[in-house]
Amino acid sequence: MIFDAATKKRLRADAHQIKPVVMIGQQGHTAAVAAAIDEALVDHELIKVRLRGIERDRRKNVMADICRDLDAEFVALIGTVATLYRARPKKDD
């Protein structure tokens, strides 16, 4: 799913008051990190992830890998905080 500029702007605005719920350390993208992000996306749809100890030029690559693996949409990366979105699956009644 690719967002247009207006949708990304709305998601960034919605994420403004959200605190990071997952921290990624120097080891980067691990199975435990992926599981924590997946669980947070199921619960909240829109989350923030803090990237600690990862070089500036690697941050976007790490987030791109995570988004690809979890079928999530990358919204923004500001400093060491990334915002991700994944719509909840619709429940059949």
PDB file of N, CA and C in Angstrom:
ATOM      1  N   MET A   1       0.847  -1.173   0.000  1.00  0.00           N
ATOM      2  CA  MET A   1       0.000   0.000   0.000  1.00  0.00           C
ATOM      3  C   MET A   1       0.890   1.233   0.000  1.00  0.00           C
ATOM      4  N   ILE A   2       0.654   2.091  -0.935  1.00  0.00           N
ATOM      5  CA  ILE A   2       1.408   3.332  -1.061  1.00  0.00           C
ATOM      6  C   ILE A   2       0.482   4.489  -0.703  1.00  0.00           C
ATOM      7  N   PHE A   3       0.960   5.348   0.179  1.00  0.00           N
ATOM      8  CA  PHE A   3       0.154   6.488   0.614  1.00  0.00           C
ATOM      9  C   PHE A   3       0.459   7.712  -0.228  1.00  0.00           C
ATOM     10  N   ASP A   4      -0.546   8.549  -0.412  1.00  0.00           N
ATOM     11  CA  ASP A   4      -0.305   9.839  -1.043  1.00  0.00           C
ATOM     12  C   ASP A   4       0.198  10.814   0.025  1.00  0.00           C
ATOM     13  N   ALA A   5       0.613  11.983  -0.390  1.00  0.00           N
ATOM     14  CA  ALA A   5       1.207  12.962   0.527  1.00  0.00           C
ATOM     15  C   ALA A   5       0.230  13.388   1.615  1.00  0.00           C
ATOM     16  N   ALA A   6      -1.037  13.549   1.278  1.00  0.00           N
ATOM     17  CA  ALA A   6      -2.029  13.984   2.266  1.00  0.00           C
ATOM     18  C   ALA A   6      -2.234  12.932   3.352  1.00  0.00           C
ATOM     19  N   THR A   7      -2.243  11.663   2.965  1.00  0.00           N
ATOM     20  CA  THR A   7      -2.413  10.589   3.944  1.00  0.00           C
ATOM     21  C   THR A   7      -1.208  10.516   4.869  1.00  0.00           C
ATOM     22  N   LYS A   8       0.000  10.624   4.303  1.00  0.00           N
ATOM     23  CA  LYS A   8       1.202  10.611   5.148  1.00  0.00           C
ATOM     24  C   LYS A   8       1.205  11.791   6.107  1.00  0.00           C
ATOM     25  N   LYS A   9       0.765  12.939   5.639  1.00  0.00           N
ATOM     26  CA  LYS A   9       0.706  14.124   6.494  1.00  0.00           C
ATOM     27  C   LYS A   9      -0.255  13.897   7.655  1.00  0.00           C
ATOM     28  N   ARG A  10      -1.413  13.283   7.377  1.00  0.00           N
ATOM     29  CA  ARG A  10      -2.390  13.003   8.430  1.00  0.00           C
ATOM     30  C   ARG A  10      -1.830  11.998   9.432  1.00  0.00           C
ATOM     31  N   LEU A  11      -1.156  10.961   8.938  1.00  0.00           N
ATOM     32  CA  LEU A  11      -0.570   9.961   9.830  1.00  0.00           C
ATOM     33  C   LEU A  11       0.532  10.566  10.694  1.00  0.00           C
ATOM     34  N   ARG A  12       1.365  11.434  10.110  1.00  0.00           N
ATOM     35  CA  ARG A  12       2.402  12.111  10.905  1.00  0.00           C
ATOM     36  C   ARG A  12       1.762  12.962  11.993  1.00  0.00           C
ATOM     37  N   ALA A  13       0.669  13.647  11.665  1.00  0.00           N
ATOM     38  CA  ALA A  13      -0.027  14.473  12.655  1.00  0.00           C
ATOM     39  C   ALA A  13      -0.630  13.600  13.750  1.00  0.00           C
ATOM     40  N   ASP A  14      -1.231  12.470  13.375  1.00  0.00           N
ATOM     41  CA  ASP A  14      -1.802  11.553  14.365  1.00  0.00           C
ATOM     42  C   ASP A  14      -0.723  10.975  15.276  1.00  0.00           C
ATOM     43  N   ALA A  15       0.471  10.773  14.746  1.00  0.00           N
ATOM     44  CA  ALA A  15       1.563  10.171  15.516  1.00  0.00           C
ATOM     45  C   ALA A  15       2.275  11.169  16.418  1.00  0.00           C
ATOM     46  N   HIS A  16       1.967  12.428  16.268  1.00  0.00           N
ATOM     47  CA  HIS A  16       2.689  13.464  17.015  1.00  0.00           C
ATOM     48  C   HIS A  16       2.680  13.214  18.517  1.00  0.00           C
ATOM     49  N   GLN A  17       1.550  12.812  19.087  1.00  0.00           N
ATOM     50  CA  GLN A  17       1.463  12.636  20.535  1.00  0.00           C
ATOM     51  C   GLN A  17       1.818  11.224  20.998  1.00  0.00           C
ATOM     52  N   ILE A  18       2.110  10.325  20.070  1.00  0.00           N
ATOM     53  CA  ILE A  18       2.433   8.945  20.425  1.00  0.00           C
ATOM     54  C   ILE A  18       3.882   8.849  20.900  1.00  0.00           C
ATOM     55  N   LYS A  19       4.097   8.064  21.946  1.00  0.00           N
ATOM     56  CA  LYS A  19       5.450   7.770  22.429  1.00  0.00           C
ATOM     57  C   LYS A  19       5.951   6.496  21.742  1.00  0.00           C
ATOM     58  N   PRO A  20       7.262   6.354  21.558  1.00  0.00           N
ATOM     59  CA  PRO A  20       7.801   5.119  20.973  1.00  0.00           C
ATOM     60  C   PRO A  20       7.457   3.912  21.843  1.00  0.00           C
ATOM     61  N   VAL A  21       7.011   2.829  21.200  1.00  0.00           N
ATOM     62  CA  VAL A  21       6.614   1.631  21.938  1.00  0.00           C
ATOM     63  C   VAL A  21       7.628   0.503  21.804  1.00  0.00           C
ATOM     64  N   VAL A  22       8.534   0.604  20.838  1.00  0.00           N
ATOM     65  CA  VAL A  22       9.562  -0.417  20.634  1.00  0.00           C
ATOM     66  C   VAL A  22      10.900   0.286  20.483  1.00  0.00           C
ATOM     67  N   MET A  23      11.926  -0.283  21.102  1.00  0.00           N
ATOM     68  CA  MET A  23      13.285   0.246  20.983  1.00  0.00           C
ATOM     69  C   MET A  23      14.139  -0.775  20.230  1.00  0.00           C
ATOM     70  N   ILE A  24      14.865  -0.302  19.233  1.00  0.00           N
ATOM     71  CA  ILE A  24      15.777  -1.153  18.477  1.00  0.00           C
ATOM     72  C   ILE A  24      17.193  -0.746  18.851  1.00  0.00           C
ATOM     73  N   GLY A  25      17.987  -1.728  19.286  1.00  0.00           N
ATOM     74  CA  GLY A  25      19.352  -1.451  19.712  1.00  0.00           C
ATOM     75  C   GLY A  25      20.361  -1.678  18.606  1.00  0.00           C
ATOM     76  N   GLN A  26      21.614  -1.849  19.001  1.00  0.00           N
ATOM     77  CA  GLN A  26      22.715  -1.983  18.053  1.00  0.00           C
ATOM     78  C   GLN A  26      22.597  -3.217  17.172  1.00  0.00           C
ATOM     79  N   GLN A  27      21.919  -4.257  17.663  1.00  0.00           N
ATOM     80  CA  GLN A  27      21.790  -5.477  16.866  1.00  0.00           C
ATOM     81  C   GLN A  27      20.835  -5.295  15.697  1.00  0.00           C
ATOM     82  N   GLY A  28      20.049  -4.244  15.729  1.00  0.00           N
ATOM     83  CA  GLY A  28      19.164  -3.946  14.605  1.00  0.00           C
ATOM     84  C   GLY A  28      17.953  -4.849  14.537  1.00  0.00           C
ATOM     85  N   HIS A  29      17.670  -5.321  13.342  1.00  0.00           N
ATOM     86  CA  HIS A  29      16.465  -6.106  13.060  1.00  0.00           C
ATOM     87  C   HIS A  29      16.674  -7.551  13.480  1.00  0.00           C
ATOM     88  N   THR A  30      16.085  -7.936  14.615  1.00  0.00           N
ATOM     89  CA  THR A  30      16.149  -9.310  15.105  1.00  0.00           C
ATOM     90  C   THR A  30      14.736  -9.883  15.138  1.00  0.00           C
ATOM     91  N   ALA A  31      14.646 -11.171  15.390  1.00  0.00           N
ATOM     92  CA  ALA A  31      13.333 -11.822  15.467  1.00  0.00           C
ATOM     93  C   ALA A  31      12.513 -11.254  16.621  1.00  0.00           C
ATOM     94  N   ALA A  32      13.164 -10.970  17.745  1.00  0.00           N
ATOM     95  CA  ALA A  32      12.453 -10.419  18.900  1.00  0.00           C
ATOM     96  C   ALA A  32      11.916  -9.021  18.603  1.00  0.00           C
ATOM     97  N   VAL A  33      12.711  -8.214  17.919  1.00  0.00           N
ATOM     98  CA  VAL A  33      12.273  -6.861  17.544  1.00  0.00           C
ATOM     99  C   VAL A  33      11.095  -6.951  16.579  1.00  0.00           C
ATOM    100  N   ALA A  34      11.190  -7.834  15.600  1.00  0.00           N
ATOM    101  CA  ALA A  34      10.104  -7.993  14.627  1.00  0.00           C
ATOM    102  C   ALA A  34       8.820  -8.441  15.316  1.00  0.00           C
ATOM    103  N   ALA A  35       8.930  -9.359  16.274  1.00  0.00           N
ATOM    104  CA  ALA A  35       7.746  -9.826  17.000  1.00  0.00           C
ATOM    105  C   ALA A  35       7.125  -8.702  17.821  1.00  0.00           C
ATOM    106  N   ALA A  36       7.960  -7.894  18.471  1.00  0.00           N
ATOM    107  CA  ALA A  36       7.448  -6.780  19.278  1.00  0.00           C
ATOM    108  C   ALA A  36       6.760  -5.734  18.402  1.00  0.00           C
ATOM    109  N   ILE A  37       7.349  -5.428  17.254  1.00  0.00           N
ATOM    110  CA  ILE A  37       6.746  -4.449  16.346  1.00  0.00           C
ATOM    111  C   ILE A  37       5.444  -4.996  15.771  1.00  0.00           C
ATOM    112  N   ASP A  38       5.435  -6.275  15.406  1.00  0.00           N
ATOM    113  CA  ASP A  38       4.221  -6.889  14.873  1.00  0.00           C
ATOM    114  C   ASP A  38       3.090  -6.831  15.893  1.00  0.00           C
ATOM    115  N   GLU A  39       3.387  -7.162  17.134  1.00  0.00           N
ATOM    116  CA  GLU A  39       2.379  -7.116  18.199  1.00  0.00           C
ATOM    117  C   GLU A  39       1.864  -5.694  18.411  1.00  0.00           C
ATOM    118  N   ALA A  40       2.766  -4.728  18.404  1.00  0.00           N
ATOM    119  CA  ALA A  40       2.363  -3.332  18.586  1.00  0.00           C
ATOM    120  C   ALA A  40       1.496  -2.853  17.422  1.00  0.00           C
ATOM    121  N   LEU A  41       1.821  -3.258  16.205  1.00  0.00           N
ATOM    122  CA  LEU A  41       1.017  -2.865  15.041  1.00  0.00           C
ATOM    123  C   LEU A  41      -0.371  -3.493  15.081  1.00  0.00           C
ATOM    124  N   VAL A  42      -0.471  -4.719  15.570  1.00  0.00           N
ATOM    125  CA  VAL A  42      -1.781  -5.360  15.716  1.00  0.00           C
ATOM    126  C   VAL A  42      -2.621  -4.592  16.727  1.00  0.00           C
ATOM    127  N   ASP A  43      -1.991  -4.165  17.814  1.00  0.00           N
ATOM    128  CA  ASP A  43      -2.717  -3.458  18.872  1.00  0.00           C
ATOM    129  C   ASP A  43      -3.066  -2.022  18.502  1.00  0.00           C
ATOM    130  N   HIS A  44      -2.160  -1.324  17.816  1.00  0.00           N
ATOM    131  CA  HIS A  44      -2.315   0.131  17.660  1.00  0.00           C
ATOM    132  C   HIS A  44      -2.417   0.648  16.229  1.00  0.00           C
ATOM    133  N   GLU A  45      -2.038  -0.099  15.241  1.00  0.00           N
ATOM    134  CA  GLU A  45      -1.985   0.314  13.828  1.00  0.00           C
ATOM    135  C   GLU A  45      -0.879   1.332  13.550  1.00  0.00           C
ATOM    136  N   LEU A  46      -0.817   2.408  14.294  1.00  0.00           N
ATOM    137  CA  LEU A  46       0.174   3.470  14.092  1.00  0.00           C
ATOM    138  C   LEU A  46       1.097   3.488  15.303  1.00  0.00           C
ATOM    139  N   ILE A  47       2.398   3.260  15.079  1.00  0.00           N
ATOM    140  CA  ILE A  47       3.341   3.200  16.199  1.00  0.00           C
ATOM    141  C   ILE A  47       4.602   3.991  15.872  1.00  0.00           C
ATOM    142  N   LYS A  48       5.348   4.268  16.939  1.00  0.00           N
ATOM    143  CA  LYS A  48       6.683   4.846  16.790  1.00  0.00           C
ATOM    144  C   LYS A  48       7.701   3.846  17.312  1.00  0.00           C
ATOM    145  N   VAL A  49       8.854   3.826  16.655  1.00  0.00           N
ATOM    146  CA  VAL A  49       9.956   2.940  17.015  1.00  0.00           C
ATOM    147  C   VAL A  49      11.197   3.795  17.195  1.00  0.00           C
ATOM    148  N   ARG A  50      11.900   3.615  18.318  1.00  0.00           N
ATOM    149  CA  ARG A  50      13.138   4.357  18.557  1.00  0.00           C
ATOM    150  C   ARG A  50      14.319   3.483  18.150  1.00  0.00           C
ATOM    151  N   LEU A  51      15.223   4.052  17.366  1.00  0.00           N
ATOM    152  CA  LEU A  51      16.415   3.349  16.889  1.00  0.00           C
ATOM    153  C   LEU A  51      17.628   3.877  17.647  1.00  0.00           C
ATOM    154  N   ARG A  52      18.158   3.092  18.551  1.00  0.00           N
ATOM    155  CA  ARG A  52      19.317   3.485  19.354  1.00  0.00           C
ATOM    156  C   ARG A  52      20.564   2.766  18.862  1.00  0.00           C
ATOM    157  N   GLY A  53      21.656   3.474  18.792  1.00  0.00           N
ATOM    158  CA  GLY A  53      22.932   2.852  18.461  1.00  0.00           C
ATOM    159  C   GLY A  53      23.065   2.416  17.012  1.00  0.00           C
ATOM    160  N   ILE A  54      22.195   2.887  16.148  1.00  0.00           N
ATOM    161  CA  ILE A  54      22.278   2.556  14.725  1.00  0.00           C
ATOM    162  C   ILE A  54      22.718   3.813  13.986  1.00  0.00           C
ATOM    163  N   GLU A  55      23.716   3.656  13.146  1.00  0.00           N
ATOM    164  CA  GLU A  55      24.251   4.808  12.416  1.00  0.00           C
ATOM    165  C   GLU A  55      23.178   5.463  11.563  1.00  0.00           C
ATOM    166  N   ARG A  56      23.312   6.742  11.377  1.00  0.00           N
ATOM    167  CA  ARG A  56      22.318   7.540  10.663  1.00  0.00           C
ATOM    168  C   ARG A  56      21.996   6.976   9.271  1.00  0.00           C
ATOM    169  N   ASP A  57      23.018   6.579   8.529  1.00  0.00           N
ATOM    170  CA  ASP A  57      22.783   6.111   7.161  1.00  0.00           C
ATOM    171  C   ASP A  57      22.170   4.713   7.097  1.00  0.00           C
ATOM    172  N   ARG A  58      22.196   3.954   8.191  1.00  0.00           N
ATOM    173  CA  ARG A  58      21.604   2.611   8.227  1.00  0.00           C
ATOM    174  C   ARG A  58      20.157   2.612   8.706  1.00  0.00           C
ATOM    175  N   ARG A  59      19.694   3.680   9.335  1.00  0.00           N
ATOM    176  CA  ARG A  59      18.354   3.698   9.944  1.00  0.00           C
ATOM    177  C   ARG A  59      17.249   3.425   8.930  1.00  0.00           C
ATOM    178  N   LYS A  60      17.282   4.115   7.805  1.00  0.00           N
ATOM    179  CA  LYS A  60      16.233   3.911   6.794  1.00  0.00           C
ATOM    180  C   LYS A  60      16.266   2.490   6.246  1.00  0.00           C
ATOM    181  N   ASN A  61      17.456   1.929   6.072  1.00  0.00           N
ATOM    182  CA  ASN A  61      17.563   0.558   5.572  1.00  0.00           C
ATOM    183  C   ASN A  61      16.978  -0.442   6.562  1.00  0.00           C
ATOM    184  N   VAL A  62      17.263  -0.251   7.845  1.00  0.00           N
ATOM    185  CA  VAL A  62      16.713  -1.134   8.877  1.00  0.00           C
ATOM    186  C   VAL A  62      15.190  -1.050   8.872  1.00  0.00           C
ATOM    187  N   MET A  63      14.654   0.164   8.811  1.00  0.00           N
ATOM    188  CA  MET A  63      13.200   0.330   8.816  1.00  0.00           C
ATOM    189  C   MET A  63      12.575  -0.228   7.537  1.00  0.00           C
ATOM    190  N   ALA A  64      13.251  -0.093   6.403  1.00  0.00           N
ATOM    191  CA  ALA A  64      12.732  -0.656   5.151  1.00  0.00           C
ATOM    192  C   ALA A  64      12.654  -2.178   5.233  1.00  0.00           C
ATOM    193  N   ASP A  65      13.671  -2.812   5.832  1.00  0.00           N
ATOM    194  CA  ASP A  65      13.653  -4.265   6.011  1.00  0.00           C
ATOM    195  C   ASP A  65      12.498  -4.691   6.904  1.00  0.00           C
ATOM    196  N   ILE A  66      12.309  -3.974   8.003  1.00  0.00           N
ATOM    197  CA  ILE A  66      11.232  -4.305   8.936  1.00  0.00           C
ATOM    198  C   ILE A  66       9.873  -4.138   8.258  1.00  0.00           C
ATOM    199  N   CYS A  67       9.687  -3.038   7.556  1.00  0.00           N
ATOM    200  CA  CYS A  67       8.408  -2.794   6.874  1.00  0.00           C
ATOM    201  C   CYS A  67       8.127  -3.863   5.831  1.00  0.00           C
ATOM    202  N   ARG A  68       9.141  -4.260   5.103  1.00  0.00           N
ATOM    203  CA  ARG A  68       8.970  -5.301   4.088  1.00  0.00           C
ATOM    204  C   ARG A  68       8.578  -6.628   4.745  1.00  0.00           C
ATOM    205  N   ASP A  69       9.258  -6.991   5.823  1.00  0.00           N
ATOM    206  CA  ASP A  69       8.997  -8.266   6.491  1.00  0.00           C
ATOM    207  C   ASP A  69       7.632  -8.304   7.166  1.00  0.00           C
ATOM    208  N   LEU A  70       7.171  -7.162   7.691  1.00  0.00           N
ATOM    209  CA  LEU A  70       5.917  -7.127   8.451  1.00  0.00           C
ATOM    210  C   LEU A  70       4.750  -6.563   7.650  1.00  0.00           C
ATOM    211  N   ASP A  71       4.958  -6.276   6.377  1.00  0.00           N
ATOM    212  CA  ASP A  71       3.920  -5.702   5.517  1.00  0.00           C
ATOM    213  C   ASP A  71       3.348  -4.426   6.132  1.00  0.00           C
ATOM    214  N   ALA A  72       4.243  -3.571   6.592  1.00  0.00           N
ATOM    215  CA  ALA A  72       3.859  -2.291   7.197  1.00  0.00           C
ATOM    216  C   ALA A  72       4.281  -1.161   6.270  1.00  0.00           C
ATOM    217  N   GLU A  73       3.737   0.001   6.517  1.00  0.00           N
ATOM    218  CA  GLU A  73       4.056   1.183   5.709  1.00  0.00           C
ATOM    219  C   GLU A  73       4.936   2.122   6.523  1.00  0.00           C
ATOM    220  N   PHE A  74       6.051   2.534   5.941  1.00  0.00           N
ATOM    221  CA  PHE A  74       6.953   3.499   6.561  1.00  0.00           C
ATOM    222  C   PHE A  74       6.356   4.886   6.375  1.00  0.00           C
ATOM    223  N   VAL A  75       6.124   5.605   7.484  1.00  0.00           N
ATOM    224  CA  VAL A  75       5.512   6.930   7.416  1.00  0.00           C
ATOM    225  C   VAL A  75       6.570   8.019   7.481  1.00  0.00           C
ATOM    226  N   ALA A  76       7.456   7.953   8.492  1.00  0.00           N
ATOM    227  CA  ALA A  76       8.447   9.019   8.654  1.00  0.00           C
ATOM    228  C   ALA A  76       9.600   8.538   9.522  1.00  0.00           C
ATOM    229  N   LEU A  77      10.741   9.196   9.352  1.00  0.00           N
ATOM    230  CA  LEU A  77      11.898   9.000  10.216  1.00  0.00           C
ATOM    231  C   LEU A  77      12.415  10.377  10.585  1.00  0.00           C
ATOM    232  N   ILE A  78      12.294  10.699  11.859  1.00  0.00           N
ATOM    233  CA  ILE A  78      12.764  11.990  12.356  1.00  0.00           C
ATOM    234  C   ILE A  78      13.790  11.703  13.445  1.00  0.00           C
ATOM    235  N   GLY A  79      15.045  11.988  13.149  1.00  0.00           N
ATOM    236  CA  GLY A  79      16.113  11.696  14.102  1.00  0.00           C
ATOM    237  C   GLY A  79      16.238  10.200  14.301  1.00  0.00           C
ATOM    238  N   THR A  80      16.013   9.756  15.540  1.00  0.00           N
ATOM    239  CA  THR A  80      16.107   8.330  15.848  1.00  0.00           C
ATOM    240  C   THR A  80      14.738   7.693  16.048  1.00  0.00           C
ATOM    241  N   VAL A  81      13.674   8.374  15.651  1.00  0.00           N
ATOM    242  CA  VAL A  81      12.320   7.854  15.844  1.00  0.00           C
ATOM    243  C   VAL A  81      11.634   7.664  14.490  1.00  0.00           C
ATOM    244  N   ALA A  82      11.200   6.430  14.243  1.00  0.00           N
ATOM    245  CA  ALA A  82      10.488   6.103  13.006  1.00  0.00           C
ATOM    246  C   ALA A  82       9.019   5.866  13.320  1.00  0.00           C
ATOM    247  N   THR A  83       8.161   6.217  12.380  1.00  0.00           N
ATOM    248  CA  THR A  83       6.727   5.997  12.509  1.00  0.00           C
ATOM    249  C   THR A  83       6.305   4.973  11.464  1.00  0.00           C
ATOM    250  N   LEU A  84       5.556   3.959  11.917  1.00  0.00           N
ATOM    251  CA  LEU A  84       5.087   2.887  11.042  1.00  0.00           C
ATOM    252  C   LEU A  84       3.574   2.760  11.131  1.00  0.00           C
ATOM    253  N   TYR A  85       2.970   2.293  10.046  1.00  0.00           N
ATOM    254  CA  TYR A  85       1.524   2.092  10.015  1.00  0.00           C
ATOM    255  C   TYR A  85       1.212   0.776   9.315  1.00  0.00           C
ATOM    256  N   ARG A  86       0.263   0.051   9.876  1.00  0.00           N
ATOM    257  CA  ARG A  86      -0.291  -1.129   9.212  1.00  0.00           C
ATOM    258  C   ARG A  86      -1.751  -1.230   9.626  1.00  0.00           C
ATOM    259  N   ALA A  87      -2.639  -1.235   8.651  1.00  0.00           N
ATOM    260  CA  ALA A  87      -4.069  -1.315   8.939  1.00  0.00           C
ATOM    261  C   ALA A  87      -4.393  -2.674   9.545  1.00  0.00           C
ATOM    262  N   ARG A  88      -5.306  -2.662  10.497  1.00  0.00           N
ATOM    263  CA  ARG A  88      -5.758  -3.918  11.080  1.00  0.00           C
ATOM    264  C   ARG A  88      -6.559  -4.684  10.036  1.00  0.00           C
ATOM    265  N   PRO A  89      -6.419  -6.003  10.039  1.00  0.00           N
ATOM    266  CA  PRO A  89      -7.248  -6.778   9.107  1.00  0.00           C
ATOM    267  C   PRO A  89      -8.716  -6.665   9.506  1.00  0.00           C
ATOM    268  N   LYS A  90      -9.569  -6.582   8.512  1.00  0.00           N
ATOM    269  CA  LYS A  90     -11.002  -6.477   8.792  1.00  0.00           C
ATOM    270  C   LYS A  90     -11.515  -7.814   9.293  1.00  0.00           C
ATOM    271  N   LYS A  91     -12.299  -7.771  10.381  1.00  0.00           N
ATOM    272  CA  LYS A  91     -12.860  -8.993  10.954  1.00  0.00           C
ATOM    273  C   LYS A  91     -14.147  -9.345  10.227  1.00  0.00           C
ATOM    274  N   ASP A  92     -14.272 -10.618   9.889  1.00  0.00           N
ATOM    275  CA  ASP A  92     -15.513 -11.091   9.276  1.00  0.00           C
ATOM    276  C   ASP A  92     -16.505 -11.420  10.377  1.00  0.00           C
ATOM    277  N   ASP A  93     -17.729 -10.946  10.219  1.00  0.00           N
ATOM    278  CA  ASP A  93     -18.754 -11.213  11.246  1.00  0.00           C
ATOM    279  C   ASP A  93     -19.462 -12.514  11.005  1.00  0.00           C
TER     280      ASP A  93
END
